[in-house]
């Protein structure tokens, strides 16, 4: 296992929008993110992250202190795009995964099932609050895809704290990402978007790479709802690809979007 210093820890900040939250790559946790062979990290808050190459894609995040009274569902999506040199994505499924709370299951969607050419189309997952602890948290991520240069372990995560739990019961979570022209290694590397709301909930996950066709990746989102128990004001999320151990690279992560539904 690599030293912790090779993995980037995000600053855990997020912006509040009219209908939810937006998280930029600088706030996400990225496995191998501190290794310049694999990732080009953002310098400023709203800059993109670029994947050079990896064989393990994992980008995750968490939103804490969700307003539990405001909303009961969220759509979660990563905004991404493929670069002109993107490679390895045609047979590498990328999953968007999310859950709300700890005691809930991850929801996931395969983002790469709709790749065609170089464009990656966003998808979202809708999540609702789970049960148990940390239902003020929504977790999300990409499990396999800032610029990623190359990795064989993709893990980019985040968390939003202090969700207004009385406002909304569901969010859609989406990573916005794109493949570069030299992207490689993604055809048979499933990348999962994962998210949960609160601690005592199961992760929701989605395979992002199941819709890859050529170089285009279709965005997907996960919808999560509040779980039960502790930390229901937190939403955890991330991107992961940690299963096939193949090298992959050439993806950019632009943002993570949480939308109240």
C-alpha atoms as a PDB file:
ATOM      1  CA  UNK A   1       0.000   0.000   0.000  1.00  0.00           C
ATOM      2  CA  UNK A   2       1.315   3.434  -0.889  1.00  0.00           C
ATOM      3  CA  UNK A   3       2.250   6.004   1.711  1.00  0.00           C
ATOM      4  CA  UNK A   4      -0.558   8.329   2.798  1.00  0.00           C
ATOM      5  CA  UNK A   5       1.485  11.250   1.452  1.00  0.00           C
ATOM      6  CA  UNK A   6       0.808   9.994  -2.093  1.00  0.00           C
ATOM      7  CA  UNK A   7      -2.956  10.361  -1.623  1.00  0.00           C
ATOM      8  CA  UNK A   8      -4.518  13.815  -1.842  1.00  0.00           C
ATOM      9  CA  UNK A   9      -6.823  14.928   0.976  1.00  0.00           C
ATOM     10  CA  UNK A  10      -9.365  17.543  -0.124  1.00  0.00           C
ATOM     11  CA  UNK A  11     -10.078  20.717   1.812  1.00  0.00           C
ATOM     12  CA  UNK A  12     -13.683  19.523   2.452  1.00  0.00           C
ATOM     13  CA  UNK A  13     -15.275  22.804   1.368  1.00  0.00           C
ATOM     14  CA  UNK A  14     -18.365  23.201  -0.801  1.00  0.00           C
ATOM     15  CA  UNK A  15     -20.529  25.945  -2.270  1.00  0.00           C
ATOM     16  CA  UNK A  16     -24.252  26.233  -1.554  1.00  0.00           C
ATOM     17  CA  UNK A  17     -26.413  26.784  -4.639  1.00  0.00           C
ATOM     18  CA  UNK A  18     -30.096  27.634  -4.996  1.00  0.00           C
ATOM     19  CA  UNK A  19     -31.058  23.962  -5.174  1.00  0.00           C
ATOM     20  CA  UNK A  20     -28.172  22.159  -3.488  1.00  0.00           C
ATOM     21  CA  UNK A  21     -24.378  22.108  -3.338  1.00  0.00           C
ATOM     22  CA  UNK A  22     -21.407  22.125  -5.705  1.00  0.00           C
ATOM     23  CA  UNK A  23     -18.023  20.644  -4.837  1.00  0.00           C
ATOM     24  CA  UNK A  24     -14.920  21.447  -6.886  1.00  0.00           C
ATOM     25  CA  UNK A  25     -11.989  19.007  -7.311  1.00  0.00           C
ATOM     26  CA  UNK A  26      -9.809  20.809  -4.777  1.00  0.00           C
ATOM     27  CA  UNK A  27     -12.253  19.628  -2.086  1.00  0.00           C
ATOM     28  CA  UNK A  28     -12.190  15.949  -3.100  1.00  0.00           C
ATOM     29  CA  UNK A  29     -10.053  13.086  -1.787  1.00  0.00           C
ATOM     30  CA  UNK A  30      -8.025  11.472  -4.576  1.00  0.00           C
ATOM     31  CA  UNK A  31      -6.117   8.212  -4.277  1.00  0.00           C
ATOM     32  CA  UNK A  32      -2.608   8.778  -5.772  1.00  0.00           C
ATOM     33  CA  UNK A  33      -3.542  12.462  -6.120  1.00  0.00           C
ATOM     34  CA  UNK A  34      -0.217  13.738  -4.728  1.00  0.00           C
ATOM     35  CA  UNK A  35       1.819  11.734  -7.254  1.00  0.00           C
ATOM     36  CA  UNK A  36       2.456  13.993 -10.265  1.00  0.00           C
ATOM     37  CA  UNK A  37       2.915  10.962 -12.506  1.00  0.00           C
ATOM     38  CA  UNK A  38      -0.776  10.237 -12.140  1.00  0.00           C
ATOM     39  CA  UNK A  39      -2.683  13.430 -11.366  1.00  0.00           C
ATOM     40  CA  UNK A  40      -2.487  17.140 -12.124  1.00  0.00           C
ATOM     41  CA  UNK A  41      -4.157  18.761  -9.125  1.00  0.00           C
ATOM     42  CA  UNK A  42      -6.040  22.084  -9.244  1.00  0.00           C
ATOM     43  CA  UNK A  43      -4.130  25.171  -8.149  1.00  0.00           C
ATOM     44  CA  UNK A  44      -7.172  27.320  -7.438  1.00  0.00           C
ATOM     45  CA  UNK A  45     -10.535  26.480  -5.899  1.00  0.00           C
ATOM     46  CA  UNK A  46     -12.512  26.172  -9.150  1.00  0.00           C
ATOM     47  CA  UNK A  47      -9.759  24.647 -11.298  1.00  0.00           C
ATOM     48  CA  UNK A  48     -10.195  21.198 -12.834  1.00  0.00           C
ATOM     49  CA  UNK A  49      -8.334  18.097 -11.714  1.00  0.00           C
ATOM     50  CA  UNK A  50      -6.734  16.076 -14.520  1.00  0.00           C
ATOM     51  CA  UNK A  51      -6.037  12.355 -14.500  1.00  0.00           C
ATOM     52  CA  UNK A  52      -2.847  11.483 -16.353  1.00  0.00           C
ATOM     53  CA  UNK A  53      -3.042   7.725 -15.910  1.00  0.00           C
ATOM     54  CA  UNK A  54      -3.927   5.230 -13.184  1.00  0.00           C
ATOM     55  CA  UNK A  55      -4.965   1.625 -12.814  1.00  0.00           C
ATOM     56  CA  UNK A  56      -6.937   2.424  -9.651  1.00  0.00           C
ATOM     57  CA  UNK A  57      -9.435   5.274  -9.869  1.00  0.00           C
ATOM     58  CA  UNK A  58     -10.984   6.477  -6.621  1.00  0.00           C
ATOM     59  CA  UNK A  59     -12.231  10.033  -6.070  1.00  0.00           C
ATOM     60  CA  UNK A  60     -14.504  10.628  -3.093  1.00  0.00           C
ATOM     61  CA  UNK A  61     -16.137  13.345  -1.038  1.00  0.00           C
ATOM     62  CA  UNK A  62     -18.597  14.002   1.757  1.00  0.00           C
ATOM     63  CA  UNK A  63     -21.016  16.813   2.564  1.00  0.00           C
ATOM     64  CA  UNK A  64     -21.548  17.312   6.290  1.00  0.00           C
ATOM     65  CA  UNK A  65     -24.378  19.011   8.168  1.00  0.00           C
ATOM     66  CA  UNK A  66     -27.069  18.362   5.576  1.00  0.00           C
ATOM     67  CA  UNK A  67     -30.265  20.262   6.421  1.00  0.00           C
ATOM     68  CA  UNK A  68     -32.429  17.242   7.244  1.00  0.00           C
ATOM     69  CA  UNK A  69     -35.649  19.264   7.378  1.00  0.00           C
ATOM     70  CA  UNK A  70     -35.218  20.878   3.969  1.00  0.00           C
ATOM     71  CA  UNK A  71     -35.107  18.004   1.518  1.00  0.00           C
ATOM     72  CA  UNK A  72     -35.482  14.236   1.517  1.00  0.00           C
ATOM     73  CA  UNK A  73     -33.725  13.440  -1.791  1.00  0.00           C
ATOM     74  CA  UNK A  74     -30.709  14.693  -3.751  1.00  0.00           C
ATOM     75  CA  UNK A  75     -29.397  14.019  -7.242  1.00  0.00           C
ATOM     76  CA  UNK A  76     -25.604  13.571  -7.224  1.00  0.00           C
ATOM     77  CA  UNK A  77     -23.464  13.871 -10.344  1.00  0.00           C
ATOM     78  CA  UNK A  78     -19.826  14.358 -11.321  1.00  0.00           C
ATOM     79  CA  UNK A  79     -19.185  16.822 -14.178  1.00  0.00           C
ATOM     80  CA  UNK A  80     -16.332  15.386 -16.268  1.00  0.00           C
ATOM     81  CA  UNK A  81     -14.965  15.473 -19.807  1.00  0.00           C
ATOM     82  CA  UNK A  82     -12.535  13.396 -21.863  1.00  0.00           C
ATOM     83  CA  UNK A  83      -9.355  15.044 -23.116  1.00  0.00           C
ATOM     84  CA  UNK A  84      -8.179  14.594 -26.689  1.00  0.00           C
ATOM     85  CA  UNK A  85      -5.502  12.127 -25.586  1.00  0.00           C
ATOM     86  CA  UNK A  86      -7.776  10.096 -23.270  1.00  0.00           C
ATOM     87  CA  UNK A  87      -7.124   6.357 -23.330  1.00  0.00           C
ATOM     88  CA  UNK A  88      -8.223   3.098 -21.735  1.00  0.00           C
ATOM     89  CA  UNK A  89     -11.852   4.024 -21.053  1.00  0.00           C
ATOM     90  CA  UNK A  90     -13.704   1.925 -23.614  1.00  0.00           C
ATOM     91  CA  UNK A  91     -13.587  -1.210 -21.455  1.00  0.00           C
ATOM     92  CA  UNK A  92     -13.133   0.408 -18.021  1.00  0.00           C
ATOM     93  CA  UNK A  93     -16.474   0.940 -16.255  1.00  0.00           C
ATOM     94  CA  UNK A  94     -16.513   4.041 -14.038  1.00  0.00           C
ATOM     95  CA  UNK A  95     -19.036   4.044 -11.225  1.00  0.00           C
ATOM     96  CA  UNK A  96     -20.668   7.005  -9.562  1.00  0.00           C
ATOM     97  CA  UNK A  97     -21.557   5.925  -6.036  1.00  0.00           C
ATOM     98  CA  UNK A  98     -23.353   7.754  -3.250  1.00  0.00           C
ATOM     99  CA  UNK A  99     -25.197   7.276   0.006  1.00  0.00           C
ATOM    100  CA  UNK A 100     -26.840   9.466   2.640  1.00  0.00           C
ATOM    101  CA  UNK A 101     -25.906   8.537   6.190  1.00  0.00           C
ATOM    102  CA  UNK A 102     -23.928   5.606   7.542  1.00  0.00           C
ATOM    103  CA  UNK A 103     -26.529   2.865   7.896  1.00  0.00           C
ATOM    104  CA  UNK A 104     -27.620   2.871   4.260  1.00  0.00           C
ATOM    105  CA  UNK A 105     -26.487   1.030   1.141  1.00  0.00           C
ATOM    106  CA  UNK A 106     -24.405   2.711  -1.529  1.00  0.00           C
ATOM    107  CA  UNK A 107     -26.243   3.531  -4.729  1.00  0.00           C
ATOM    108  CA  UNK A 108     -24.181   3.324  -7.920  1.00  0.00           C
ATOM    109  CA  UNK A 109     -24.418   3.967 -11.640  1.00  0.00           C
ATOM    110  CA  UNK A 110     -21.958   3.090 -14.423  1.00  0.00           C
ATOM    111  CA  UNK A 111     -20.966   6.361 -16.137  1.00  0.00           C
ATOM    112  CA  UNK A 112     -19.049   4.779 -19.004  1.00  0.00           C
ATOM    113  CA  UNK A 113     -21.906   2.842 -20.578  1.00  0.00           C
ATOM    114  CA  UNK A 114     -22.676   5.856 -22.773  1.00  0.00           C
ATOM    115  CA  UNK A 115     -19.204   6.960 -23.851  1.00  0.00           C
ATOM    116  CA  UNK A 116     -19.074   7.816 -27.554  1.00  0.00           C
ATOM    117  CA  UNK A 117     -16.027   9.523 -29.038  1.00  0.00           C
ATOM    118  CA  UNK A 118     -14.432  11.925 -26.552  1.00  0.00           C
ATOM    119  CA  UNK A 119     -17.429  13.369 -24.767  1.00  0.00           C
ATOM    120  CA  UNK A 120     -18.547  12.151 -21.344  1.00  0.00           C
ATOM    121  CA  UNK A 121     -22.236  12.680 -20.650  1.00  0.00           C
ATOM    122  CA  UNK A 122     -23.172  13.410 -17.057  1.00  0.00           C
ATOM    123  CA  UNK A 123     -25.354  11.050 -15.049  1.00  0.00           C
ATOM    124  CA  UNK A 124     -26.720  11.466 -11.587  1.00  0.00           C
ATOM    125  CA  UNK A 125     -27.755   9.208  -8.726  1.00  0.00           C
ATOM    126  CA  UNK A 126     -30.755  10.151  -6.603  1.00  0.00           C
ATOM    127  CA  UNK A 127     -30.312   9.445  -2.889  1.00  0.00           C
ATOM    128  CA  UNK A 128     -32.607   9.810   0.094  1.00  0.00           C
ATOM    129  CA  UNK A 129     -31.833   9.870   3.793  1.00  0.00           C
ATOM    130  CA  UNK A 130     -30.880   6.581   5.393  1.00  0.00           C
ATOM    131  CA  UNK A 131     -31.253   5.374   8.962  1.00  0.00           C
ATOM    132  CA  UNK A 132     -28.892   5.390  11.918  1.00  0.00           C
ATOM    133  CA  UNK A 133     -25.901   7.653  12.533  1.00  0.00           C
ATOM    134  CA  UNK A 134     -24.573  10.573  10.523  1.00  0.00           C
ATOM    135  CA  UNK A 135     -27.709  11.201   8.488  1.00  0.00           C
ATOM    136  CA  UNK A 136     -26.511  14.791   8.140  1.00  0.00           C
ATOM    137  CA  UNK A 137     -23.764  13.506   5.825  1.00  0.00           C
ATOM    138  CA  UNK A 138     -23.867  12.566   2.152  1.00  0.00           C
ATOM    139  CA  UNK A 139     -20.952  10.470   0.889  1.00  0.00           C
ATOM    140  CA  UNK A 140     -20.092  10.191  -2.803  1.00  0.00           C
ATOM    141  CA  UNK A 141     -17.274   9.277  -5.143  1.00  0.00           C
ATOM    142  CA  UNK A 142     -15.939   7.797  -8.363  1.00  0.00           C
ATOM    143  CA  UNK A 143     -14.570   4.333  -7.829  1.00  0.00           C
ATOM    144  CA  UNK A 144     -12.206   3.929 -10.850  1.00  0.00           C
ATOM    145  CA  UNK A 145     -11.396   8.452 -12.979  1.00  0.00           C
ATOM    146  CA  UNK A 146      -8.207  17.238 -11.493  1.00  0.00           C
ATOM    147  CA  UNK A 147      -6.235  15.678 -14.391  1.00  0.00           C
ATOM    148  CA  UNK A 148      -5.452  12.067 -13.827  1.00  0.00           C
ATOM    149  CA  UNK A 149      -2.186  11.159 -15.536  1.00  0.00           C
ATOM    150  CA  UNK A 150      -2.150   7.463 -14.698  1.00  0.00           C
ATOM    151  CA  UNK A 151      -3.038   5.214 -11.770  1.00  0.00           C
ATOM    152  CA  UNK A 152      -3.981   1.620 -11.140  1.00  0.00           C
ATOM    153  CA  UNK A 153      -6.089   2.610  -8.099  1.00  0.00           C
ATOM    154  CA  UNK A 154      -8.685   5.356  -8.502  1.00  0.00           C
ATOM    155  CA  UNK A 155     -10.250   6.810  -5.368  1.00  0.00           C
ATOM    156  CA  UNK A 156     -11.578  10.380  -5.209  1.00  0.00           C
ATOM    157  CA  UNK A 157     -13.880  11.133  -2.279  1.00  0.00           C
ATOM    158  CA  UNK A 158     -15.631  14.006  -0.566  1.00  0.00           C
ATOM    159  CA  UNK A 159     -18.121  14.830   2.163  1.00  0.00           C
ATOM    160  CA  UNK A 160     -20.538  17.697   2.734  1.00  0.00           C
ATOM    161  CA  UNK A 161     -21.186  18.448   6.393  1.00  0.00           C
ATOM    162  CA  UNK A 162     -24.011  20.352   8.069  1.00  0.00           C
ATOM    163  CA  UNK A 163     -26.678  19.350   5.557  1.00  0.00           C
ATOM    164  CA  UNK A 164     -29.979  20.993   6.462  1.00  0.00           C
ATOM    165  CA  UNK A 165     -31.787  17.768   7.291  1.00  0.00           C
ATOM    166  CA  UNK A 166     -35.193  19.426   7.706  1.00  0.00           C
ATOM    167  CA  UNK A 167     -35.164  21.056   4.276  1.00  0.00           C
ATOM    168  CA  UNK A 168     -34.838  18.177   1.834  1.00  0.00           C
ATOM    169  CA  UNK A 169     -34.964  14.394   1.934  1.00  0.00           C
ATOM    170  CA  UNK A 170     -33.272  13.519  -1.389  1.00  0.00           C
ATOM    171  CA  UNK A 171     -30.321  14.703  -3.482  1.00  0.00           C
ATOM    172  CA  UNK A 172     -29.005  13.762  -6.898  1.00  0.00           C
ATOM    173  CA  UNK A 173     -25.193  13.460  -6.868  1.00  0.00           C
ATOM    174  CA  UNK A 174     -23.137  13.729 -10.063  1.00  0.00           C
ATOM    175  CA  UNK A 175     -19.422  13.967 -10.877  1.00  0.00           C
ATOM    176  CA  UNK A 176     -18.634  16.149 -13.905  1.00  0.00           C
ATOM    177  CA  UNK A 177     -15.678  14.489 -15.669  1.00  0.00           C
ATOM    178  CA  UNK A 178     -14.251  14.294 -19.178  1.00  0.00           C
ATOM    179  CA  UNK A 179     -11.848  11.977 -20.997  1.00  0.00           C
ATOM    180  CA  UNK A 180      -8.716  13.394 -22.594  1.00  0.00           C
ATOM    181  CA  UNK A 181      -7.680  12.442 -26.118  1.00  0.00           C
ATOM    182  CA  UNK A 182      -4.960  10.136 -24.768  1.00  0.00           C
ATOM    183  CA  UNK A 183      -7.184   8.475 -22.171  1.00  0.00           C
ATOM    184  CA  UNK A 184      -6.443   4.788 -21.779  1.00  0.00           C
ATOM    185  CA  UNK A 185      -7.248   1.703 -19.724  1.00  0.00           C
ATOM    186  CA  UNK A 186     -10.916   2.397 -19.042  1.00  0.00           C
ATOM    187  CA  UNK A 187     -12.669  -0.126 -21.298  1.00  0.00           C
ATOM    188  CA  UNK A 188     -12.489  -2.989 -18.792  1.00  0.00           C
ATOM    189  CA  UNK A 189     -12.018  -0.909 -15.620  1.00  0.00           C
ATOM    190  CA  UNK A 190     -15.387  -0.247 -13.946  1.00  0.00           C
ATOM    191  CA  UNK A 191     -15.564   3.179 -12.311  1.00  0.00           C
ATOM    192  CA  UNK A 192     -18.208   3.576  -9.644  1.00  0.00           C
ATOM    193  CA  UNK A 193     -19.886   6.704  -8.383  1.00  0.00           C
ATOM    194  CA  UNK A 194     -20.772   5.977  -4.758  1.00  0.00           C
ATOM    195  CA  UNK A 195     -22.628   8.047  -2.192  1.00  0.00           C
ATOM    196  CA  UNK A 196     -24.483   7.819   1.090  1.00  0.00           C
ATOM    197  CA  UNK A 197     -26.252  10.191   3.463  1.00  0.00           C
ATOM    198  CA  UNK A 198     -25.303   9.658   7.093  1.00  0.00           C
ATOM    199  CA  UNK A 199     -23.199   6.976   8.759  1.00  0.00           C
ATOM    200  CA  UNK A 200     -25.648   4.165   9.433  1.00  0.00           C
ATOM    201  CA  UNK A 201     -26.754   3.773   5.811  1.00  0.00           C
ATOM    202  CA  UNK A 202     -25.584   1.667   2.909  1.00  0.00           C
ATOM    203  CA  UNK A 203     -23.595   3.137   0.045  1.00  0.00           C
ATOM    204  CA  UNK A 204     -25.446   3.604  -3.230  1.00  0.00           C
ATOM    205  CA  UNK A 205     -23.317   3.071  -6.333  1.00  0.00           C
ATOM    206  CA  UNK A 206     -23.455   3.378 -10.109  1.00  0.00           C
ATOM    207  CA  UNK A 207     -21.014   2.124 -12.752  1.00  0.00           C
ATOM    208  CA  UNK A 208     -20.034   5.172 -14.809  1.00  0.00           C
ATOM    209  CA  UNK A 209     -18.116   3.241 -17.464  1.00  0.00           C
ATOM    210  CA  UNK A 210     -20.952   0.975 -18.539  1.00  0.00           C
ATOM    211  CA  UNK A 211     -21.948   3.673 -21.027  1.00  0.00           C
ATOM    212  CA  UNK A 212     -18.528   4.405 -22.505  1.00  0.00           C
ATOM    213  CA  UNK A 213     -18.485   4.099 -26.287  1.00  0.00           C
ATOM    214  CA  UNK A 214     -15.281   5.197 -27.901  1.00  0.00           C
ATOM    215  CA  UNK A 215     -14.174   8.329 -26.043  1.00  0.00           C
ATOM    216  CA  UNK A 216     -17.485   9.754 -24.816  1.00  0.00           C
ATOM    217  CA  UNK A 217     -18.636   9.288 -21.237  1.00  0.00           C
ATOM    218  CA  UNK A 218     -22.282   9.941 -20.440  1.00  0.00           C
ATOM    219  CA  UNK A 219     -22.859  11.662 -17.079  1.00  0.00           C
ATOM    220  CA  UNK A 220     -24.979   9.796 -14.563  1.00  0.00           C
ATOM    221  CA  UNK A 221     -26.249  10.698 -11.143  1.00  0.00           C
ATOM    222  CA  UNK A 222     -27.196   8.839  -7.984  1.00  0.00           C
ATOM    223  CA  UNK A 223     -30.227   9.857  -5.937  1.00  0.00           C
ATOM    224  CA  UNK A 224     -29.792   9.476  -2.177  1.00  0.00           C
ATOM    225  CA  UNK A 225     -32.109  10.012   0.751  1.00  0.00           C
ATOM    226  CA  UNK A 226     -31.398  10.502   4.437  1.00  0.00           C
ATOM    227  CA  UNK A 227     -30.413   7.501   6.523  1.00  0.00           C
ATOM    228  CA  UNK A 228     -31.122   6.955  10.204  1.00  0.00           C
ATOM    229  CA  UNK A 229     -28.862   7.287  13.232  1.00  0.00           C
ATOM    230  CA  UNK A 230     -25.851   9.553  13.655  1.00  0.00           C
ATOM    231  CA  UNK A 231     -24.394  12.139  11.265  1.00  0.00           C
ATOM    232  CA  UNK A 232     -27.488  12.530   9.108  1.00  0.00           C
ATOM    233  CA  UNK A 233     -26.250  16.031   8.307  1.00  0.00           C
ATOM    234  CA  UNK A 234     -23.413  14.554   6.211  1.00  0.00           C
ATOM    235  CA  UNK A 235     -23.415  13.298   2.625  1.00  0.00           C
ATOM    236  CA  UNK A 236     -20.471  11.153   1.505  1.00  0.00           C
ATOM    237  CA  UNK A 237     -19.605  10.549  -2.143  1.00  0.00           C
ATOM    238  CA  UNK A 238     -16.768   9.384  -4.365  1.00  0.00           C
ATOM    239  CA  UNK A 239     -15.447   7.865  -7.590  1.00  0.00           C
ATOM    240  CA  UNK A 240     -13.810   4.439  -7.367  1.00  0.00           C
ATOM    241  CA  UNK A 241     -12.086   1.903  -9.600  1.00  0.00           C
ATOM    242  CA  UNK A 242     -10.001  -0.373  -7.410  1.00  0.00           C
ATOM    243  CA  UNK A 243     -10.794  -3.822  -8.756  1.00  0.00           C
ATOM    244  CA  UNK A 244      -8.972  -4.754 -11.972  1.00  0.00           C
ATOM    245  CA  UNK A 245      -5.558  -3.177 -11.078  1.00  0.00           C
ATOM    246  CA  UNK A 246      -4.947  -2.133 -14.710  1.00  0.00           C
ATOM    247  CA  UNK A 247      -3.274   1.177 -15.502  1.00  0.00           C
ATOM    248  CA  UNK A 248      -5.549   3.900 -16.807  1.00  0.00           C
ATOM    249  CA  UNK A 249      -5.337   7.638 -17.422  1.00  0.00           C
ATOM    250  CA  UNK A 250      -6.488  10.678 -19.363  1.00  0.00           C
ATOM    251  CA  UNK A 251      -9.558  11.877 -17.471  1.00  0.00           C
ATOM    252  CA  UNK A 252     -10.454  15.288 -16.059  1.00  0.00           C
ATOM    253  CA  UNK A 253     -12.705  15.830 -13.049  1.00  0.00           C
ATOM    254  CA  UNK A 254     -14.446  19.197 -13.176  1.00  0.00           C
ATOM    255  CA  UNK A 255     -16.879  19.229 -10.261  1.00  0.00           C
ATOM    256  CA  UNK A 256     -19.344  17.287  -8.141  1.00  0.00           C
ATOM    257  CA  UNK A 257     -22.954  18.472  -8.214  1.00  0.00           C
ATOM    258  CA  UNK A 258     -25.627  17.819  -5.589  1.00  0.00           C
ATOM    259  CA  UNK A 259     -29.145  18.836  -6.565  1.00  0.00           C
ATOM    260  CA  UNK A 260     -32.224  18.792  -4.355  1.00  0.00           C
ATOM    261  CA  UNK A 261     -35.150  16.860  -5.783  1.00  0.00           C
END
